[in-house]
Structures are given as structure tokens and as C-alpha cells.
mmCIF file of all heavy atoms, coordinates in Angstrom:
data_MODEL
# 
_entry.id   MODEL 
# 
loop_
_atom_site.group_PDB 
_atom_site.id 
_atom_site.type_symbol 
_atom_site.label_atom_id 
_atom_site.label_alt_id 
_atom_site.label_comp_id 
_atom_site.label_asym_id 
_atom_site.label_entity_id 
_atom_site.label_seq_id 
_atom_site.pdbx_PDB_ins_code 
_atom_site.Cartn_x 
_atom_site.Cartn_y 
_atom_site.Cartn_z 
_atom_site.occupancy 
_atom_site.B_iso_or_equiv 
_atom_site.pdbx_formal_charge 
_atom_site.auth_seq_id 
_atom_site.auth_comp_id 
_atom_site.auth_asym_id 
_atom_site.auth_atom_id 
_atom_site.pdbx_PDB_model_num 
ATOM 1   N N   . SER A 1 1  ? 169.453 -11.022 48.846 1.00 0.00 ? 1  SER A N   1 
ATOM 2   C CA  . SER A 1 1  ? 170.787 -10.453 48.976 1.00 0.00 ? 1  SER A CA  1 
ATOM 3   C C   . SER A 1 1  ? 171.100 -10.117 50.425 1.00 0.00 ? 1  SER A C   1 
ATOM 4   O O   . SER A 1 1  ? 170.273 -9.527  51.120 1.00 0.00 ? 1  SER A O   1 
ATOM 5   C CB  . SER A 1 1  ? 170.902 -9.178  48.134 1.00 0.00 ? 1  SER A CB  1 
ATOM 6   O OG  . SER A 1 1  ? 172.112 -8.506  48.439 1.00 0.00 ? 1  SER A OG  1 
ATOM 7   N N   . PRO A 1 2  ? 172.298 -10.459 50.893 1.00 0.00 ? 2  PRO A N   1 
ATOM 8   C CA  . PRO A 1 2  ? 172.682 -10.093 52.273 1.00 0.00 ? 2  PRO A CA  1 
ATOM 9   C C   . PRO A 1 2  ? 173.023 -8.616  52.422 1.00 0.00 ? 2  PRO A C   1 
ATOM 10  O O   . PRO A 1 2  ? 173.492 -8.205  53.473 1.00 0.00 ? 2  PRO A O   1 
ATOM 11  C CB  . PRO A 1 2  ? 173.910 -10.981 52.532 1.00 0.00 ? 2  PRO A CB  1 
ATOM 12  C CG  . PRO A 1 2  ? 174.488 -11.236 51.192 1.00 0.00 ? 2  PRO A CG  1 
ATOM 13  C CD  . PRO A 1 2  ? 173.322 -11.290 50.253 1.00 0.00 ? 2  PRO A CD  1 
ATOM 14  N N   . ARG A 1 3  ? 172.792 -7.820  51.370 1.00 0.00 ? 3  ARG A N   1 
ATOM 15  C CA  . ARG A 1 3  ? 172.924 -6.374  51.558 1.00 0.00 ? 3  ARG A CA  1 
ATOM 16  C C   . ARG A 1 3  ? 171.905 -5.892  52.582 1.00 0.00 ? 3  ARG A C   1 
ATOM 17  O O   . ARG A 1 3  ? 172.113 -4.896  53.261 1.00 0.00 ? 3  ARG A O   1 
ATOM 18  C CB  . ARG A 1 3  ? 172.710 -5.651  50.225 1.00 0.00 ? 3  ARG A CB  1 
ATOM 19  C CG  . ARG A 1 3  ? 173.890 -5.769  49.281 1.00 0.00 ? 3  ARG A CG  1 
ATOM 20  C CD  . ARG A 1 3  ? 173.699 -4.934  48.031 1.00 0.00 ? 3  ARG A CD  1 
ATOM 21  N NE  . ARG A 1 3  ? 172.665 -5.464  47.171 1.00 0.00 ? 3  ARG A NE  1 
ATOM 22  C CZ  . ARG A 1 3  ? 171.611 -4.780  46.749 1.00 0.00 ? 3  ARG A CZ  1 
ATOM 23  N NH1 . ARG A 1 3  ? 171.428 -3.543  47.139 1.00 0.00 ? 3  ARG A NH1 1 
ATOM 24  N NH2 . ARG A 1 3  ? 170.726 -5.324  45.943 1.00 0.00 ? 3  ARG A NH2 1 
ATOM 25  N N   . ARG A 1 4  ? 170.766 -6.576  52.653 1.00 0.00 ? 4  ARG A N   1 
ATOM 26  C CA  . ARG A 1 4  ? 169.762 -6.221  53.649 1.00 0.00 ? 4  ARG A CA  1 
ATOM 27  C C   . ARG A 1 4  ? 170.162 -6.747  55.021 1.00 0.00 ? 4  ARG A C   1 
ATOM 28  O O   . ARG A 1 4  ? 170.841 -7.766  55.137 1.00 0.00 ? 4  ARG A O   1 
ATOM 29  C CB  . ARG A 1 4  ? 168.405 -6.801  53.253 1.00 0.00 ? 4  ARG A CB  1 
ATOM 30  C CG  . ARG A 1 4  ? 167.821 -6.211  51.992 1.00 0.00 ? 4  ARG A CG  1 
ATOM 31  C CD  . ARG A 1 4  ? 166.416 -6.715  51.810 1.00 0.00 ? 4  ARG A CD  1 
ATOM 32  N NE  . ARG A 1 4  ? 165.766 -6.101  50.672 1.00 0.00 ? 4  ARG A NE  1 
ATOM 33  C CZ  . ARG A 1 4  ? 164.477 -6.253  50.381 1.00 0.00 ? 4  ARG A CZ  1 
ATOM 34  N NH1 . ARG A 1 4  ? 163.715 -7.000  51.173 1.00 0.00 ? 4  ARG A NH1 1 
ATOM 35  N NH2 . ARG A 1 4  ? 163.946 -5.675  49.329 1.00 0.00 ? 4  ARG A NH2 1 
ATOM 36  N N   . GLU A 1 5  ? 169.702 -6.046  56.043 1.00 0.00 ? 5  GLU A N   1 
ATOM 37  C CA  . GLU A 1 5  ? 170.019 -6.454  57.414 1.00 0.00 ? 5  GLU A CA  1 
ATOM 38  C C   . GLU A 1 5  ? 169.046 -7.562  57.828 1.00 0.00 ? 5  GLU A C   1 
ATOM 39  O O   . GLU A 1 5  ? 167.967 -7.324  58.341 1.00 0.00 ? 5  GLU A O   1 
ATOM 40  C CB  . GLU A 1 5  ? 169.905 -5.261  58.358 1.00 0.00 ? 5  GLU A CB  1 
ATOM 41  C CG  . GLU A 1 5  ? 170.421 -5.537  59.747 1.00 0.00 ? 5  GLU A CG  1 
ATOM 42  C CD  . GLU A 1 5  ? 171.883 -5.924  59.768 1.00 0.00 ? 5  GLU A CD  1 
ATOM 43  O OE1 . GLU A 1 5  ? 172.710 -5.226  59.169 1.00 0.00 ? 5  GLU A OE1 1 
ATOM 44  O OE2 . GLU A 1 5  ? 172.193 -6.956  60.388 1.00 0.00 ? 5  GLU A OE2 1 
ATOM 45  N N   . THR A 1 6  ? 169.433 -8.810  57.544 1.00 0.00 ? 6  THR A N   1 
ATOM 46  C CA  . THR A 1 6  ? 168.581 -9.964  57.784 1.00 0.00 ? 6  THR A CA  1 
ATOM 47  C C   . THR A 1 6  ? 169.387 -11.039 58.509 1.00 0.00 ? 6  THR A C   1 
ATOM 48  O O   . THR A 1 6  ? 170.576 -10.870 58.798 1.00 0.00 ? 6  THR A O   1 
ATOM 49  C CB  . THR A 1 6  ? 168.069 -10.547 56.455 1.00 0.00 ? 6  THR A CB  1 
ATOM 50  O OG1 . THR A 1 6  ? 169.210 -10.932 55.659 1.00 0.00 ? 6  THR A OG1 1 
ATOM 51  C CG2 . THR A 1 6  ? 167.248 -9.520  55.681 1.00 0.00 ? 6  THR A CG2 1 
ATOM 52  N N   . ARG A 1 7  ? 168.729 -12.183 58.760 1.00 0.00 ? 7  ARG A N   1 
ATOM 53  C CA  . ARG A 1 7  ? 169.438 -13.313 59.356 1.00 0.00 ? 7  ARG A CA  1 
ATOM 54  C C   . ARG A 1 7  ? 170.604 -13.739 58.473 1.00 0.00 ? 7  ARG A C   1 
ATOM 55  O O   . ARG A 1 7  ? 171.670 -14.105 58.963 1.00 0.00 ? 7  ARG A O   1 
ATOM 56  C CB  . ARG A 1 7  ? 168.487 -14.499 59.554 1.00 0.00 ? 7  ARG A CB  1 
ATOM 57  C CG  . ARG A 1 7  ? 167.492 -14.328 60.677 1.00 0.00 ? 7  ARG A CG  1 
ATOM 58  C CD  . ARG A 1 7  ? 166.555 -15.521 60.780 1.00 0.00 ? 7  ARG A CD  1 
ATOM 59  N NE  . ARG A 1 7  ? 167.234 -16.701 61.290 1.00 0.00 ? 7  ARG A NE  1 
ATOM 60  C CZ  . ARG A 1 7  ? 167.483 -17.793 60.582 1.00 0.00 ? 7  ARG A CZ  1 
ATOM 61  N NH1 . ARG A 1 7  ? 167.162 -17.851 59.308 1.00 0.00 ? 7  ARG A NH1 1 
ATOM 62  N NH2 . ARG A 1 7  ? 168.057 -18.828 61.126 1.00 0.00 ? 7  ARG A NH2 1 
ATOM 63  N N   . THR A 1 8  ? 170.406 -13.702 57.142 1.00 0.00 ? 8  THR A N   1 
ATOM 64  C CA  . THR A 1 8  ? 171.489 -14.087 56.237 1.00 0.00 ? 8  THR A CA  1 
ATOM 65  C C   . THR A 1 8  ? 172.676 -13.146 56.380 1.00 0.00 ? 8  THR A C   1 
ATOM 66  O O   . THR A 1 8  ? 173.830 -13.575 56.385 1.00 0.00 ? 8  THR A O   1 
ATOM 67  C CB  . THR A 1 8  ? 170.992 -14.109 54.783 1.00 0.00 ? 8  THR A CB  1 
ATOM 68  O OG1 . THR A 1 8  ? 169.908 -15.036 54.670 1.00 0.00 ? 8  THR A OG1 1 
ATOM 69  C CG2 . THR A 1 8  ? 172.098 -14.523 53.835 1.00 0.00 ? 8  THR A CG2 1 
ATOM 70  N N   . ARG A 1 9  ? 172.400 -11.848 56.500 1.00 0.00 ? 9  ARG A N   1 
ATOM 71  C CA  . ARG A 1 9  ? 173.476 -10.877 56.670 1.00 0.00 ? 9  ARG A CA  1 
ATOM 72  C C   . ARG A 1 9  ? 174.259 -11.163 57.954 1.00 0.00 ? 9  ARG A C   1 
ATOM 73  O O   . ARG A 1 9  ? 175.495 -11.100 57.978 1.00 0.00 ? 9  ARG A O   1 
ATOM 74  C CB  . ARG A 1 9  ? 172.875 -9.465  56.716 1.00 0.00 ? 9  ARG A CB  1 
ATOM 75  C CG  . ARG A 1 9  ? 173.854 -8.338  57.022 1.00 0.00 ? 9  ARG A CG  1 
ATOM 76  C CD  . ARG A 1 9  ? 174.781 -8.046  55.849 1.00 0.00 ? 9  ARG A CD  1 
ATOM 77  N NE  . ARG A 1 9  ? 175.603 -6.875  56.105 1.00 0.00 ? 9  ARG A NE  1 
ATOM 78  C CZ  . ARG A 1 9  ? 175.280 -5.627  55.762 1.00 0.00 ? 9  ARG A CZ  1 
ATOM 79  N NH1 . ARG A 1 9  ? 174.120 -5.387  55.146 1.00 0.00 ? 9  ARG A NH1 1 
ATOM 80  N NH2 . ARG A 1 9  ? 176.082 -4.629  56.004 1.00 0.00 ? 9  ARG A NH2 1 
ATOM 81  N N   . ARG A 1 10 ? 173.557 -11.478 59.026 1.00 0.00 ? 10 ARG A N   1 
ATOM 82  C CA  . ARG A 1 10 ? 174.238 -11.759 60.291 1.00 0.00 ? 10 ARG A CA  1 
ATOM 83  C C   . ARG A 1 10 ? 175.053 -13.048 60.193 1.00 0.00 ? 10 ARG A C   1 
ATOM 84  O O   . ARG A 1 10 ? 176.154 -13.144 60.744 1.00 0.00 ? 10 ARG A O   1 
ATOM 85  C CB  . ARG A 1 10 ? 173.219 -11.849 61.425 1.00 0.00 ? 10 ARG A CB  1 
ATOM 86  C CG  . ARG A 1 10 ? 173.869 -11.753 62.793 1.00 0.00 ? 10 ARG A CG  1 
ATOM 87  C CD  . ARG A 1 10 ? 172.884 -11.474 63.894 1.00 0.00 ? 10 ARG A CD  1 
ATOM 88  N NE  . ARG A 1 10 ? 173.589 -11.158 65.132 1.00 0.00 ? 10 ARG A NE  1 
ATOM 89  C CZ  . ARG A 1 10 ? 172.995 -10.951 66.292 1.00 0.00 ? 10 ARG A CZ  1 
ATOM 90  N NH1 . ARG A 1 10 ? 171.687 -11.006 66.375 1.00 0.00 ? 10 ARG A NH1 1 
ATOM 91  N NH2 . ARG A 1 10 ? 173.689 -10.668 67.369 1.00 0.00 ? 10 ARG A NH2 1 
ATOM 92  N N   . LEU A 1 11 ? 174.535 -14.029 59.485 1.00 0.00 ? 11 LEU A N   1 
ATOM 93  C CA  . LEU A 1 11 ? 175.278 -15.272 59.269 1.00 0.00 ? 11 LEU A CA  1 
ATOM 94  C C   . LEU A 1 11 ? 176.564 -15.001 58.491 1.00 0.00 ? 11 LEU A C   1 
ATOM 95  O O   . LEU A 1 11 ? 177.643 -15.477 58.858 1.00 0.00 ? 11 LEU A O   1 
ATOM 96  C CB  . LEU A 1 11 ? 174.399 -16.270 58.515 1.00 0.00 ? 11 LEU A CB  1 
ATOM 97  C CG  . LEU A 1 11 ? 175.080 -17.557 58.040 1.00 0.00 ? 11 LEU A CG  1 
ATOM 98  C CD1 . LEU A 1 11 ? 175.519 -18.392 59.237 1.00 0.00 ? 11 LEU A CD1 1 
ATOM 99  C CD2 . LEU A 1 11 ? 174.148 -18.351 57.143 1.00 0.00 ? 11 LEU A CD2 1 
ATOM 100 N N   . VAL A 1 12 ? 176.443 -14.232 57.412 1.00 0.00 ? 12 VAL A N   1 
ATOM 101 C CA  . VAL A 1 12 ? 177.610 -13.906 56.590 1.00 0.00 ? 12 VAL A CA  1 
ATOM 102 C C   . VAL A 1 12 ? 178.634 -13.127 57.405 1.00 0.00 ? 12 VAL A C   1 
ATOM 103 O O   . VAL A 1 12 ? 179.841 -13.390 57.335 1.00 0.00 ? 12 VAL A O   1 
ATOM 104 C CB  . VAL A 1 12 ? 177.163 -13.107 55.349 1.00 0.00 ? 12 VAL A CB  1 
ATOM 105 C CG1 . VAL A 1 12 ? 178.363 -12.515 54.619 1.00 0.00 ? 12 VAL A CG1 1 
ATOM 106 C CG2 . VAL A 1 12 ? 176.360 -14.000 54.409 1.00 0.00 ? 12 VAL A CG2 1 
ATOM 107 N N   . ARG A 1 13 ? 178.161 -12.178 58.192 1.00 0.00 ? 13 ARG A N   1 
ATOM 108 C CA  . ARG A 1 13 ? 179.064 -11.379 59.028 1.00 0.00 ? 13 ARG A CA  1 
ATOM 109 C C   . ARG A 1 13 ? 179.834 -12.269 60.007 1.00 0.00 ? 13 ARG A C   1 
ATOM 110 O O   . ARG A 1 13 ? 181.032 -12.062 60.242 1.00 0.00 ? 13 ARG A O   1 
ATOM 111 C CB  . ARG A 1 13 ? 178.257 -10.333 59.799 1.00 0.00 ? 13 ARG A CB  1 
ATOM 112 C CG  . ARG A 1 13 ? 179.104 -9.415  60.661 1.00 0.00 ? 13 ARG A CG  1 
ATOM 113 C CD  . ARG A 1 13 ? 178.235 -8.527  61.530 1.00 0.00 ? 13 ARG A CD  1 
ATOM 114 N NE  . ARG A 1 13 ? 177.471 -7.585  60.734 1.00 0.00 ? 13 ARG A NE  1 
ATOM 115 C CZ  . ARG A 1 13 ? 176.153 -7.488  60.733 1.00 0.00 ? 13 ARG A CZ  1 
ATOM 116 N NH1 . ARG A 1 13 ? 175.428 -8.310  61.497 1.00 0.00 ? 13 ARG A NH1 1 
ATOM 117 N NH2 . ARG A 1 13 ? 175.542 -6.592  60.008 1.00 0.00 ? 13 ARG A NH2 1 
ATOM 118 N N   . ALA A 1 14 ? 179.144 -13.242 60.574 1.00 0.00 ? 14 ALA A N   1 
ATOM 119 C CA  . ALA A 1 14 ? 179.796 -14.139 61.531 1.00 0.00 ? 14 ALA A CA  1 
ATOM 120 C C   . ALA A 1 14 ? 180.835 -15.018 60.841 1.00 0.00 ? 14 ALA A C   1 
ATOM 121 O O   . ALA A 1 14 ? 181.979 -15.126 61.291 1.00 0.00 ? 14 ALA A O   1 
ATOM 122 C CB  . ALA A 1 14 ? 178.748 -15.001 62.224 1.00 0.00 ? 14 ALA A CB  1 
ATOM 123 N N   . LEU A 1 15 ? 180.458 -15.650 59.739 1.00 0.00 ? 15 LEU A N   1 
ATOM 124 C CA  . LEU A 1 15 ? 181.340 -16.595 59.070 1.00 0.00 ? 15 LEU A CA  1 
ATOM 125 C C   . LEU A 1 15 ? 182.565 -15.918 58.477 1.00 0.00 ? 15 LEU A C   1 
ATOM 126 O O   . LEU A 1 15 ? 183.665 -16.491 58.464 1.00 0.00 ? 15 LEU A O   1 
ATOM 127 C CB  . LEU A 1 15 ? 180.573 -17.336 57.966 1.00 0.00 ? 15 LEU A CB  1 
ATOM 128 C CG  . LEU A 1 15 ? 179.452 -18.263 58.435 1.00 0.00 ? 15 LEU A CG  1 
ATOM 129 C CD1 . LEU A 1 15 ? 178.715 -18.857 57.242 1.00 0.00 ? 15 LEU A CD1 1 
ATOM 130 C CD2 . LEU A 1 15 ? 180.004 -19.373 59.327 1.00 0.00 ? 15 LEU A CD2 1 
ATOM 131 N N   . ALA A 1 16 ? 182.404 -14.692 57.974 1.00 0.00 ? 16 ALA A N   1 
ATOM 132 C CA  . ALA A 1 16 ? 183.516 -13.996 57.321 1.00 0.00 ? 16 ALA A CA  1 
ATOM 133 C C   . ALA A 1 16 ? 184.627 -13.631 58.299 1.00 0.00 ? 16 ALA A C   1 
ATOM 134 O O   . ALA A 1 16 ? 185.733 -13.290 57.870 1.00 0.00 ? 16 ALA A O   1 
ATOM 135 C CB  . ALA A 1 16 ? 183.002 -12.743 56.615 1.00 0.00 ? 16 ALA A CB  1 
ATOM 136 N N   . GLN A 1 17 ? 184.354 -13.717 59.605 1.00 0.00 ? 17 GLN A N   1 
ATOM 137 C CA  . GLN A 1 17 ? 185.406 -13.441 60.590 1.00 0.00 ? 17 GLN A CA  1 
ATOM 138 C C   . GLN A 1 17 ? 186.514 -14.490 60.538 1.00 0.00 ? 17 GLN A C   1 
ATOM 139 O O   . GLN A 1 17 ? 187.679 -14.184 60.769 1.00 0.00 ? 17 GLN A O   1 
ATOM 140 C CB  . GLN A 1 17 ? 184.802 -13.404 61.995 1.00 0.00 ? 17 GLN A CB  1 
ATOM 141 C CG  . GLN A 1 17 ? 183.842 -12.248 62.233 1.00 0.00 ? 17 GLN A CG  1 
ATOM 142 C CD  . GLN A 1 17 ? 183.204 -12.304 63.616 1.00 0.00 ? 17 GLN A CD  1 
ATOM 143 O OE1 . GLN A 1 17 ? 183.573 -13.132 64.446 1.00 0.00 ? 17 GLN A OE1 1 
ATOM 144 N NE2 . GLN A 1 17 ? 182.251 -11.422 63.872 1.00 0.00 ? 17 GLN A NE2 1 
ATOM 145 N N   . ASP A 1 18 ? 186.134 -15.756 60.223 1.00 0.00 ? 18 ASP A N   1 
ATOM 146 C CA  . ASP A 1 18 ? 187.102 -16.855 60.283 1.00 0.00 ? 18 ASP A CA  1 
ATOM 147 C C   . ASP A 1 18 ? 187.263 -17.630 58.980 1.00 0.00 ? 18 ASP A C   1 
ATOM 148 O O   . ASP A 1 18 ? 188.182 -18.443 58.866 1.00 0.00 ? 18 ASP A O   1 
ATOM 149 C CB  . ASP A 1 18 ? 186.689 -17.853 61.378 1.00 0.00 ? 18 ASP A CB  1 
ATOM 150 C CG  . ASP A 1 18 ? 186.809 -17.285 62.779 1.00 0.00 ? 18 ASP A CG  1 
ATOM 151 O OD1 . ASP A 1 18 ? 187.401 -16.196 62.926 1.00 0.00 ? 18 ASP A OD1 1 
ATOM 152 O OD2 . ASP A 1 18 ? 186.304 -17.912 63.715 1.00 0.00 ? 18 ASP A OD2 1 
ATOM 153 N N   . PHE A 1 19 ? 186.361 -17.428 58.019 1.00 0.00 ? 19 PHE A N   1 
ATOM 154 C CA  . PHE A 1 19 ? 186.384 -18.241 56.813 1.00 0.00 ? 19 PHE A CA  1 
ATOM 155 C C   . PHE A 1 19 ? 186.325 -17.367 55.554 1.00 0.00 ? 19 PHE A C   1 
ATOM 156 O O   . PHE A 1 19 ? 185.920 -16.213 55.613 1.00 0.00 ? 19 PHE A O   1 
ATOM 157 C CB  . PHE A 1 19 ? 185.183 -19.201 56.790 1.00 0.00 ? 19 PHE A CB  1 
ATOM 158 C CG  . PHE A 1 19 ? 185.086 -20.110 57.974 1.00 0.00 ? 19 PHE A CG  1 
ATOM 159 C CD1 . PHE A 1 19 ? 184.228 -19.819 59.032 1.00 0.00 ? 19 PHE A CD1 1 
ATOM 160 C CD2 . PHE A 1 19 ? 185.854 -21.268 58.050 1.00 0.00 ? 19 PHE A CD2 1 
ATOM 161 C CE1 . PHE A 1 19 ? 184.131 -20.658 60.133 1.00 0.00 ? 19 PHE A CE1 1 
ATOM 162 C CE2 . PHE A 1 19 ? 185.768 -22.107 59.145 1.00 0.00 ? 19 PHE A CE2 1 
ATOM 163 C CZ  . PHE A 1 19 ? 184.902 -21.813 60.193 1.00 0.00 ? 19 PHE A CZ  1 
ATOM 164 N N   . ARG A 1 20 ? 186.734 -17.969 54.429 1.00 0.00 ? 20 ARG A N   1 
ATOM 165 C CA  . ARG A 1 20 ? 186.507 -17.333 53.130 1.00 0.00 ? 20 ARG A CA  1 
ATOM 166 C C   . ARG A 1 20 ? 185.085 -17.674 52.706 1.00 0.00 ? 20 ARG A C   1 
ATOM 167 O O   . ARG A 1 20 ? 184.762 -18.854 52.518 1.00 0.00 ? 20 ARG A O   1 
ATOM 168 C CB  . ARG A 1 20 ? 187.494 -17.847 52.097 1.00 0.00 ? 20 ARG A CB  1 
ATOM 169 C CG  . ARG A 1 20 ? 188.945 -17.446 52.328 1.00 0.00 ? 20 ARG A CG  1 
ATOM 170 C CD  . ARG A 1 20 ? 189.845 -18.076 51.289 1.00 0.00 ? 20 ARG A CD  1 
ATOM 171 N NE  . ARG A 1 20 ? 189.744 -19.538 51.324 1.00 0.00 ? 20 ARG A NE  1 
ATOM 172 C CZ  . ARG A 1 20 ? 190.187 -20.331 50.347 1.00 0.00 ? 20 ARG A CZ  1 
ATOM 173 N NH1 . ARG A 1 20 ? 190.738 -19.825 49.268 1.00 0.00 ? 20 ARG A NH1 1 
ATOM 174 N NH2 . ARG A 1 20 ? 190.070 -21.649 50.463 1.00 0.00 ? 20 ARG A NH2 1 
ATOM 175 N N   . VAL A 1 21 ? 184.266 -16.656 52.556 1.00 0.00 ? 21 VAL A N   1 
ATOM 176 C CA  . VAL A 1 21 ? 182.836 -16.866 52.316 1.00 0.00 ? 21 VAL A CA  1 
ATOM 177 C C   . VAL A 1 21 ? 182.450 -16.298 50.955 1.00 0.00 ? 21 VAL A C   1 
ATOM 178 O O   . VAL A 1 21 ? 182.807 -15.170 50.610 1.00 0.00 ? 21 VAL A O   1 
ATOM 179 C CB  . VAL A 1 21 ? 181.981 -16.197 53.415 1.00 0.00 ? 21 VAL A CB  1 
ATOM 180 C CG1 . VAL A 1 21 ? 180.494 -16.439 53.161 1.00 0.00 ? 21 VAL A CG1 1 
ATOM 181 C CG2 . VAL A 1 21 ? 182.376 -16.739 54.787 1.00 0.00 ? 21 VAL A CG2 1 
ATOM 182 N N   . HIS A 1 22 ? 181.730 -17.101 50.193 1.00 0.00 ? 22 HIS A N   1 
ATOM 183 C CA  . HIS A 1 22 ? 181.185 -16.684 48.900 1.00 0.00 ? 22 HIS A CA  1 
ATOM 184 C C   . HIS A 1 22 ? 179.668 -16.849 48.970 1.00 0.00 ? 22 HIS A C   1 
ATOM 185 O O   . HIS A 1 22 ? 179.176 -17.917 49.339 1.00 0.00 ? 22 HIS A O   1 
ATOM 186 C CB  . HIS A 1 22 ? 181.775 -17.542 47.779 1.00 0.00 ? 22 HIS A CB  1 
ATOM 187 C CG  . HIS A 1 22 ? 181.261 -17.203 46.416 1.00 0.00 ? 22 HIS A CG  1 
ATOM 188 N ND1 . HIS A 1 22 ? 181.342 -18.081 45.355 1.00 0.00 ? 22 HIS A ND1 1 
ATOM 189 C CD2 . HIS A 1 22 ? 180.643 -16.090 45.933 1.00 0.00 ? 22 HIS A CD2 1 
ATOM 190 C CE1 . HIS A 1 22 ? 180.823 -17.520 44.282 1.00 0.00 ? 22 HIS A CE1 1 
ATOM 191 N NE2 . HIS A 1 22 ? 180.376 -16.317 44.602 1.00 0.00 ? 22 HIS A NE2 1 
ATOM 192 N N   . VAL A 1 23 ? 178.944 -15.804 48.648 1.00 0.00 ? 23 VAL A N   1 
ATOM 193 C CA  . VAL A 1 23 ? 177.474 -15.829 48.689 1.00 0.00 ? 23 VAL A CA  1 
ATOM 194 C C   . VAL A 1 23 ? 176.940 -15.685 47.270 1.00 0.00 ? 23 VAL A C   1 
ATOM 195 O O   . VAL A 1 23 ? 177.399 -14.831 46.505 1.00 0.00 ? 23 VAL A O   1 
ATOM 196 C CB  . VAL A 1 23 ? 176.917 -14.678 49.558 1.00 0.00 ? 23 VAL A CB  1 
ATOM 197 C CG1 . VAL A 1 23 ? 175.389 -14.782 49.656 1.00 0.00 ? 23 VAL A CG1 1 
ATOM 198 C CG2 . VAL A 1 23 ? 177.545 -14.682 50.941 1.00 0.00 ? 23 VAL A CG2 1 
ATOM 199 N N   . VAL A 1 24 ? 175.965 -16.511 46.917 1.00 0.00 ? 24 VAL A N   1 
ATOM 200 C CA  . VAL A 1 24 ? 175.240 -16.363 45.659 1.00 0.00 ? 24 VAL A CA  1 
ATOM 201 C C   . VAL A 1 24 ? 173.780 -16.139 46.006 1.00 0.00 ? 24 VAL A C   1 
ATOM 202 O O   . VAL A 1 24 ? 173.169 -16.939 46.722 1.00 0.00 ? 24 VAL A O   1 
ATOM 203 C CB  . VAL A 1 24 ? 175.380 -17.600 44.753 1.00 0.00 ? 24 VAL A CB  1 
ATOM 204 C CG1 . VAL A 1 24 ? 174.608 -17.395 43.453 1.00 0.00 ? 24 VAL A CG1 1 
ATOM 205 C CG2 . VAL A 1 24 ? 176.846 -17.875 44.456 1.00 0.00 ? 24 VAL A CG2 1 
ATOM 206 N N   . SER A 1 25 ? 173.222 -15.028 45.525 1.00 0.00 ? 25 SER A N   1 
ATOM 207 C CA  . SER A 1 25 ? 171.834 -14.706 45.831 1.00 0.00 ? 25 SER A CA  1 
ATOM 208 C C   . SER A 1 25 ? 171.132 -14.206 44.580 1.00 0.00 ? 25 SER A C   1 
ATOM 209 O O   . SER A 1 25 ? 171.773 -13.869 43.573 1.00 0.00 ? 25 SER A O   1 
ATOM 210 C CB  . SER A 1 25 ? 171.752 -13.634 46.928 1.00 0.00 ? 25 SER A CB  1 
ATOM 211 O OG  . SER A 1 25 ? 172.173 -12.376 46.422 1.00 0.00 ? 25 SER A OG  1 
ATOM 212 N N   . GLU A 1 26 ? 169.819 -14.146 44.668 1.00 0.00 ? 26 GLU A N   1 
ATOM 213 C CA  . GLU A 1 26 ? 169.038 -13.581 43.572 1.00 0.00 ? 26 GLU A CA  1 
ATOM 214 C C   . GLU A 1 26 ? 169.239 -12.066 43.539 1.00 0.00 ? 26 GLU A C   1 
ATOM 215 O O   . GLU A 1 26 ? 169.299 -11.406 44.575 1.00 0.00 ? 26 GLU A O   1 
ATOM 216 C CB  . GLU A 1 26 ? 167.558 -13.894 43.777 1.00 0.00 ? 26 GLU A CB  1 
ATOM 217 C CG  . GLU A 1 26 ? 166.664 -13.343 42.688 1.00 0.00 ? 26 GLU A CG  1 
ATOM 218 C CD  . GLU A 1 26 ? 165.198 -13.689 42.901 1.00 0.00 ? 26 GLU A CD  1 
ATOM 219 O OE1 . GLU A 1 26 ? 164.916 -14.559 43.753 1.00 0.00 ? 26 GLU A OE1 1 
ATOM 220 O OE2 . GLU A 1 26 ? 164.351 -13.095 42.220 1.00 0.00 ? 26 GLU A OE2 1 
ATOM 221 N N   . SER A 1 27 ? 169.360 -11.521 42.345 1.00 0.00 ? 27 SER A N   1 
ATOM 222 C CA  . SER A 1 27 ? 169.522 -10.084 42.193 1.00 0.00 ? 27 SER A CA  1 
ATOM 223 C C   . SER A 1 27 ? 168.195 -9.381  42.426 1.00 0.00 ? 27 SER A C   1 
ATOM 224 O O   . SER A 1 27 ? 167.183 -9.728  41.818 1.00 0.00 ? 27 SER A O   1 
ATOM 225 C CB  . SER A 1 27 ? 170.033 -9.750  40.792 1.00 0.00 ? 27 SER A CB  1 
ATOM 226 O OG  . SER A 1 27 ? 170.020 -8.351  40.581 1.00 0.00 ? 27 SER A OG  1 
ATOM 227 N N   . GLU A 1 28 ? 168.192 -8.389  43.307 1.00 0.00 ? 28 GLU A N   1 
ATOM 228 C CA  . GLU A 1 28 ? 166.963 -7.644  43.581 1.00 0.00 ? 28 GLU A CA  1 
ATOM 229 C C   . GLU A 1 28 ? 166.669 -6.629  42.493 1.00 0.00 ? 28 GLU A C   1 
ATOM 230 O O   . GLU A 1 28 ? 165.527 -6.314  42.215 1.00 0.00 ? 28 GLU A O   1 
ATOM 231 C CB  . GLU A 1 28 ? 167.082 -6.941  44.934 1.00 0.00 ? 28 GLU A CB  1 
ATOM 232 C CG  . GLU A 1 28 ? 167.179 -7.905  46.097 1.00 0.00 ? 28 GLU A CG  1 
ATOM 233 C CD  . GLU A 1 28 ? 167.319 -7.201  47.425 1.00 0.00 ? 28 GLU A CD  1 
ATOM 234 O OE1 . GLU A 1 28 ? 167.534 -5.985  47.429 1.00 0.00 ? 28 GLU A OE1 1 
ATOM 235 O OE2 . GLU A 1 28 ? 167.194 -7.875  48.460 1.00 0.00 ? 28 GLU A OE2 1 
# 
């Protein structure tokens, strides 16, 4: 989950500035 401060979270943060982003992850 990108709720954690990880590379995925930083990627999502970057992309959401300019794009509509949908993330599917495993539930912790």
C-alpha cells in the first residue's frame, strides 16, 4: 500500500500532480 512512505508513495505523489491515478495494492 502507498500509505507507507516508500518509493511507490513518492511515485504516486508525483504522478497525481498531472494525471488521474488509480492504485491497486494488497491489503495490509
